[in-house]
Amino acid sequence: MSNKPVRHILGLSGGKDSTALAILLHKQVPQMEYFFCDTHKELPETYEYLDRIKARLGIKIHYLSPKRGFDHWLDIHGGLLPSPKKRWFTVMMKIKPLDMKMMISPV
């Protein structure tokens, strides 16, 4: 067993489910780290909501962004919007930026 401290990380989407989990775990895991994968195509209300979560819980949220934006990947996929069968959005805009962040900034 490793003596390395466990790192607790929670992704926030700006939706009700991730917010509920953040509220629940905030008291249980005070050292929790929070992140939001920013596509730069969010509604202004999403950023306002995240600001309210930060203020209410007294937390910092790390904003992660892919190197190439939504419009680039939409062009690459021939204008095909993401769907449950074509999950390019999730992979390129949410998972890959998180993978890079976790690799380059371990605690």
N, C-alpha and C. Protein backbone atom coordinates (compact mmCIF):
# COMPACT_ATOMS: atom_id res chain seq x y z
N MET A 1 0.84 -1.18 0.00
CA MET A 1 0.00 0.00 0.00
C MET A 1 0.88 1.24 0.00
N SER A 2 0.51 2.21 -0.81
CA SER A 2 1.28 3.44 -0.94
C SER A 2 1.01 4.38 0.22
N ASN A 3 2.04 5.13 0.58
CA ASN A 3 1.90 6.15 1.63
C ASN A 3 1.51 7.50 1.04
N LYS A 4 1.32 7.55 -0.28
CA LYS A 4 0.92 8.80 -0.91
C LYS A 4 -0.48 9.18 -0.44
N PRO A 5 -0.68 10.47 -0.20
CA PRO A 5 -2.04 10.89 0.19
C PRO A 5 -3.02 10.68 -0.97
N VAL A 6 -4.25 10.37 -0.62
CA VAL A 6 -5.29 10.19 -1.62
C VAL A 6 -5.76 11.56 -2.09
N ARG A 7 -5.90 11.68 -3.39
CA ARG A 7 -6.35 12.94 -3.98
C ARG A 7 -7.82 12.78 -4.35
N HIS A 8 -8.66 13.65 -3.83
CA HIS A 8 -10.09 13.62 -4.10
C HIS A 8 -10.43 14.74 -5.08
N ILE A 9 -11.00 14.36 -6.23
CA ILE A 9 -11.28 15.32 -7.30
C ILE A 9 -12.71 15.12 -7.77
N LEU A 10 -13.45 16.22 -7.91
CA LEU A 10 -14.84 16.14 -8.36
C LEU A 10 -15.07 17.10 -9.51
N GLY A 11 -15.61 16.58 -10.60
CA GLY A 11 -15.96 17.40 -11.75
C GLY A 11 -17.34 18.01 -11.58
N LEU A 12 -17.43 19.29 -11.85
CA LEU A 12 -18.72 19.99 -11.80
C LEU A 12 -19.13 20.33 -13.23
N SER A 13 -20.40 20.14 -13.52
CA SER A 13 -20.91 20.44 -14.86
C SER A 13 -21.76 21.70 -14.86
N GLY A 14 -22.15 22.15 -13.69
CA GLY A 14 -23.09 23.26 -13.61
C GLY A 14 -24.52 22.75 -13.54
N GLY A 15 -24.67 21.44 -13.42
CA GLY A 15 -25.99 20.84 -13.33
C GLY A 15 -26.34 20.43 -11.90
N LYS A 16 -27.56 19.96 -11.73
CA LYS A 16 -28.06 19.64 -10.39
C LYS A 16 -27.36 18.43 -9.76
N ASP A 17 -27.02 17.42 -10.57
CA ASP A 17 -26.43 16.22 -10.00
C ASP A 17 -25.03 16.46 -9.45
N SER A 18 -24.18 17.11 -10.24
CA SER A 18 -22.83 17.37 -9.75
C SER A 18 -22.85 18.37 -8.60
N THR A 19 -23.79 19.29 -8.62
CA THR A 19 -23.92 20.24 -7.51
C THR A 19 -24.32 19.52 -6.23
N ALA A 20 -25.30 18.63 -6.33
CA ALA A 20 -25.74 17.88 -5.15
C ALA A 20 -24.59 17.07 -4.58
N LEU A 21 -23.80 16.43 -5.45
CA LEU A 21 -22.67 15.65 -4.98
C LEU A 21 -21.62 16.54 -4.32
N ALA A 22 -21.37 17.71 -4.90
CA ALA A 22 -20.42 18.66 -4.30
C ALA A 22 -20.86 19.08 -2.91
N ILE A 23 -22.14 19.38 -2.77
CA ILE A 23 -22.66 19.80 -1.46
C ILE A 23 -22.53 18.66 -0.45
N LEU A 24 -22.88 17.45 -0.85
CA LEU A 24 -22.80 16.29 0.03
C LEU A 24 -21.35 16.00 0.44
N LEU A 25 -20.45 15.99 -0.52
CA LEU A 25 -19.07 15.61 -0.23
C LEU A 25 -18.25 16.74 0.39
N HIS A 26 -18.70 17.97 0.21
CA HIS A 26 -17.95 19.11 0.73
C HIS A 26 -17.70 18.97 2.24
N LYS A 27 -18.70 18.52 2.96
CA LYS A 27 -18.56 18.35 4.42
C LYS A 27 -17.77 17.09 4.76
N GLN A 28 -17.89 16.08 3.91
CA GLN A 28 -17.23 14.80 4.18
C GLN A 28 -15.75 14.80 3.79
N VAL A 29 -15.41 15.55 2.75
CA VAL A 29 -14.05 15.56 2.21
C VAL A 29 -13.61 17.01 2.03
N PRO A 30 -13.18 17.67 3.11
CA PRO A 30 -12.84 19.10 3.02
C PRO A 30 -11.70 19.42 2.04
N GLN A 31 -10.82 18.47 1.78
CA GLN A 31 -9.69 18.71 0.87
C GLN A 31 -10.03 18.41 -0.60
N MET A 32 -11.30 18.23 -0.88
CA MET A 32 -11.76 17.94 -2.25
C MET A 32 -11.30 19.03 -3.21
N GLU A 33 -10.87 18.61 -4.40
CA GLU A 33 -10.54 19.53 -5.49
C GLU A 33 -11.69 19.48 -6.49
N TYR A 34 -12.01 20.63 -7.07
CA TYR A 34 -13.14 20.72 -7.99
C TYR A 34 -12.65 21.25 -9.34
N PHE A 35 -13.24 20.73 -10.42
CA PHE A 35 -12.89 21.22 -11.74
C PHE A 35 -14.13 21.33 -12.61
N PHE A 36 -14.02 22.16 -13.62
CA PHE A 36 -15.07 22.35 -14.62
C PHE A 36 -14.40 22.38 -15.98
N CYS A 37 -14.84 21.54 -16.90
CA CYS A 37 -14.30 21.52 -18.27
C CYS A 37 -15.05 22.56 -19.10
N ASP A 38 -14.35 23.62 -19.41
CA ASP A 38 -14.95 24.77 -20.07
C ASP A 38 -14.83 24.65 -21.58
N THR A 39 -15.95 24.53 -22.26
CA THR A 39 -15.96 24.42 -23.71
C THR A 39 -15.97 25.78 -24.39
N HIS A 40 -16.16 26.82 -23.62
CA HIS A 40 -16.31 28.19 -24.11
C HIS A 40 -17.57 28.34 -24.96
N LYS A 41 -18.48 27.41 -24.81
CA LYS A 41 -19.78 27.48 -25.47
C LYS A 41 -20.91 27.40 -24.44
N GLU A 42 -20.55 27.63 -23.19
CA GLU A 42 -21.53 27.56 -22.11
C GLU A 42 -22.39 28.83 -22.13
N LEU A 43 -23.56 28.71 -21.58
CA LEU A 43 -24.41 29.88 -21.39
C LEU A 43 -23.83 30.73 -20.26
N PRO A 44 -24.02 32.04 -20.31
CA PRO A 44 -23.54 32.89 -19.21
C PRO A 44 -24.08 32.43 -17.85
N GLU A 45 -25.29 31.90 -17.84
CA GLU A 45 -25.89 31.44 -16.59
C GLU A 45 -25.10 30.29 -15.96
N THR A 46 -24.41 29.50 -16.78
CA THR A 46 -23.60 28.40 -16.24
C THR A 46 -22.45 28.97 -15.41
N TYR A 47 -21.77 29.98 -15.93
CA TYR A 47 -20.66 30.59 -15.19
C TYR A 47 -21.16 31.28 -13.93
N GLU A 48 -22.32 31.93 -14.03
CA GLU A 48 -22.91 32.56 -12.84
C GLU A 48 -23.24 31.51 -11.78
N TYR A 49 -23.78 30.39 -12.21
CA TYR A 49 -24.12 29.31 -11.29
C TYR A 49 -22.87 28.75 -10.62
N LEU A 50 -21.80 28.56 -11.39
CA LEU A 50 -20.55 28.08 -10.80
C LEU A 50 -20.01 29.09 -9.79
N ASP A 51 -20.14 30.36 -10.09
CA ASP A 51 -19.71 31.40 -9.12
C ASP A 51 -20.51 31.29 -7.83
N ARG A 52 -21.81 30.99 -7.95
CA ARG A 52 -22.64 30.84 -6.74
C ARG A 52 -22.22 29.60 -5.94
N ILE A 53 -21.89 28.52 -6.63
CA ILE A 53 -21.42 27.31 -5.93
C ILE A 53 -20.13 27.62 -5.18
N LYS A 54 -19.19 28.32 -5.86
CA LYS A 54 -17.92 28.69 -5.21
C LYS A 54 -18.16 29.52 -3.96
N ALA A 55 -19.02 30.52 -4.07
CA ALA A 55 -19.30 31.40 -2.94
C ALA A 55 -19.99 30.65 -1.81
N ARG A 56 -20.96 29.84 -2.15
CA ARG A 56 -21.75 29.12 -1.14
C ARG A 56 -20.90 28.11 -0.36
N LEU A 57 -20.06 27.37 -1.09
CA LEU A 57 -19.25 26.34 -0.44
C LEU A 57 -17.87 26.85 -0.02
N GLY A 58 -17.48 28.02 -0.50
CA GLY A 58 -16.15 28.54 -0.18
C GLY A 58 -15.05 27.70 -0.80
N ILE A 59 -15.24 27.32 -2.06
CA ILE A 59 -14.28 26.46 -2.73
C ILE A 59 -13.68 27.16 -3.94
N LYS A 60 -12.61 26.58 -4.45
CA LYS A 60 -12.01 27.03 -5.70
C LYS A 60 -12.36 25.99 -6.76
N ILE A 61 -12.73 26.43 -7.93
CA ILE A 61 -13.00 25.53 -9.04
C ILE A 61 -11.95 25.79 -10.11
N HIS A 62 -11.24 24.74 -10.52
CA HIS A 62 -10.26 24.84 -11.60
C HIS A 62 -11.01 24.72 -12.92
N TYR A 63 -10.80 25.68 -13.80
CA TYR A 63 -11.44 25.67 -15.12
C TYR A 63 -10.44 25.08 -16.11
N LEU A 64 -10.81 23.96 -16.71
CA LEU A 64 -9.97 23.30 -17.69
C LEU A 64 -10.53 23.56 -19.08
N SER A 65 -9.64 23.79 -20.03
CA SER A 65 -10.07 24.05 -21.41
C SER A 65 -9.24 23.19 -22.35
N PRO A 66 -9.88 22.65 -23.38
CA PRO A 66 -9.12 21.92 -24.39
C PRO A 66 -8.27 22.88 -25.21
N LYS A 67 -7.21 22.35 -25.82
CA LYS A 67 -6.36 23.20 -26.65
C LYS A 67 -7.11 23.72 -27.88
N ARG A 68 -8.02 22.91 -28.39
CA ARG A 68 -8.83 23.31 -29.53
C ARG A 68 -10.29 23.34 -29.10
N GLY A 69 -11.00 24.33 -29.56
CA GLY A 69 -12.36 24.54 -29.09
C GLY A 69 -13.41 23.71 -29.79
N PHE A 70 -14.63 23.91 -29.35
CA PHE A 70 -15.79 23.19 -29.85
C PHE A 70 -15.92 23.33 -31.37
N ASP A 71 -15.77 24.55 -31.88
CA ASP A 71 -15.96 24.79 -33.32
C ASP A 71 -14.96 23.98 -34.15
N HIS A 72 -13.73 23.85 -33.68
CA HIS A 72 -12.73 23.06 -34.39
C HIS A 72 -13.20 21.61 -34.51
N TRP A 73 -13.63 21.01 -33.40
CA TRP A 73 -14.03 19.61 -33.42
C TRP A 73 -15.34 19.40 -34.18
N LEU A 74 -16.19 20.38 -34.16
CA LEU A 74 -17.42 20.30 -34.96
C LEU A 74 -17.05 20.25 -36.45
N ASP A 75 -16.08 21.07 -36.86
CA ASP A 75 -15.61 21.04 -38.25
C ASP A 75 -14.97 19.69 -38.59
N ILE A 76 -14.15 19.18 -37.69
CA ILE A 76 -13.48 17.89 -37.92
C ILE A 76 -14.51 16.78 -38.13
N HIS A 77 -15.61 16.86 -37.41
CA HIS A 77 -16.66 15.84 -37.50
C HIS A 77 -17.75 16.21 -38.51
N GLY A 78 -17.39 17.08 -39.45
CA GLY A 78 -18.29 17.40 -40.55
C GLY A 78 -19.59 18.04 -40.13
N GLY A 79 -19.57 18.79 -39.04
CA GLY A 79 -20.78 19.45 -38.56
C GLY A 79 -21.72 18.52 -37.81
N LEU A 80 -21.30 17.28 -37.60
CA LEU A 80 -22.12 16.30 -36.88
C LEU A 80 -22.11 16.63 -35.39
N LEU A 81 -23.27 16.94 -34.86
CA LEU A 81 -23.36 17.25 -33.43
C LEU A 81 -23.17 15.99 -32.60
N PRO A 82 -22.66 16.15 -31.38
CA PRO A 82 -22.48 14.98 -30.52
C PRO A 82 -23.82 14.32 -30.21
N SER A 83 -23.75 13.01 -29.98
CA SER A 83 -24.93 12.23 -29.62
C SER A 83 -24.48 11.06 -28.76
N PRO A 84 -25.42 10.30 -28.20
CA PRO A 84 -25.00 9.13 -27.41
C PRO A 84 -24.14 8.14 -28.19
N LYS A 85 -24.31 8.08 -29.52
CA LYS A 85 -23.50 7.16 -30.32
C LYS A 85 -22.22 7.80 -30.85
N LYS A 86 -22.19 9.11 -30.94
CA LYS A 86 -21.01 9.86 -31.40
C LYS A 86 -20.59 10.80 -30.28
N ARG A 87 -19.76 10.31 -29.38
CA ARG A 87 -19.43 11.05 -28.16
C ARG A 87 -18.15 11.86 -28.29
N TRP A 88 -17.87 12.40 -29.46
CA TRP A 88 -16.64 13.15 -29.64
C TRP A 88 -16.56 14.34 -28.70
N PHE A 89 -17.68 14.96 -28.40
CA PHE A 89 -17.69 16.12 -27.52
C PHE A 89 -17.16 15.76 -26.14
N THR A 90 -17.67 14.69 -25.56
CA THR A 90 -17.24 14.27 -24.23
C THR A 90 -15.75 13.95 -24.21
N VAL A 91 -15.29 13.24 -25.22
CA VAL A 91 -13.88 12.85 -25.27
C VAL A 91 -12.98 14.07 -25.46
N MET A 92 -13.25 14.88 -26.46
CA MET A 92 -12.35 15.97 -26.81
C MET A 92 -12.47 17.20 -25.88
N MET A 93 -13.67 17.45 -25.36
CA MET A 93 -13.88 18.68 -24.59
C MET A 93 -13.88 18.45 -23.07
N LYS A 94 -14.05 17.20 -22.64
CA LYS A 94 -14.16 16.93 -21.21
C LYS A 94 -13.08 15.98 -20.69
N ILE A 95 -12.89 14.85 -21.35
CA ILE A 95 -11.97 13.83 -20.85
C ILE A 95 -10.50 14.19 -21.11
N LYS A 96 -10.17 14.54 -22.35
CA LYS A 96 -8.77 14.83 -22.67
C LYS A 96 -8.22 16.03 -21.89
N PRO A 97 -8.95 17.14 -21.75
CA PRO A 97 -8.42 18.23 -20.92
C PRO A 97 -8.19 17.79 -19.47
N LEU A 98 -9.07 16.95 -18.96
CA LEU A 98 -8.91 16.46 -17.59
C LEU A 98 -7.68 15.57 -17.49
N ASP A 99 -7.48 14.67 -18.45
CA ASP A 99 -6.30 13.80 -18.45
C ASP A 99 -5.03 14.62 -18.43
N MET A 100 -4.97 15.65 -19.26
CA MET A 100 -3.77 16.50 -19.30
C MET A 100 -3.55 17.23 -17.99
N LYS A 101 -4.61 17.75 -17.40
CA LYS A 101 -4.50 18.48 -16.14
C LYS A 101 -4.00 17.56 -15.03
N MET A 102 -4.52 16.34 -14.98
CA MET A 102 -4.15 15.41 -13.92
C MET A 102 -2.71 14.96 -14.09
N MET A 103 -2.23 14.87 -15.33
CA MET A 103 -0.86 14.44 -15.56
C MET A 103 0.15 15.53 -15.22
N ILE A 104 -0.19 16.78 -15.49
CA ILE A 104 0.80 17.83 -15.30
C ILE A 104 0.74 18.55 -13.96
N SER A 105 -0.31 18.33 -13.18
CA SER A 105 -0.35 19.05 -11.90
C SER A 105 -0.79 18.15 -10.75
N PRO A 106 -0.02 17.08 -10.48
CA PRO A 106 -0.37 16.26 -9.32
C PRO A 106 -0.09 17.02 -8.03
N VAL A 107 -0.82 16.68 -7.00
CA VAL A 107 -0.62 17.33 -5.71
C VAL A 107 0.53 16.67 -5.00
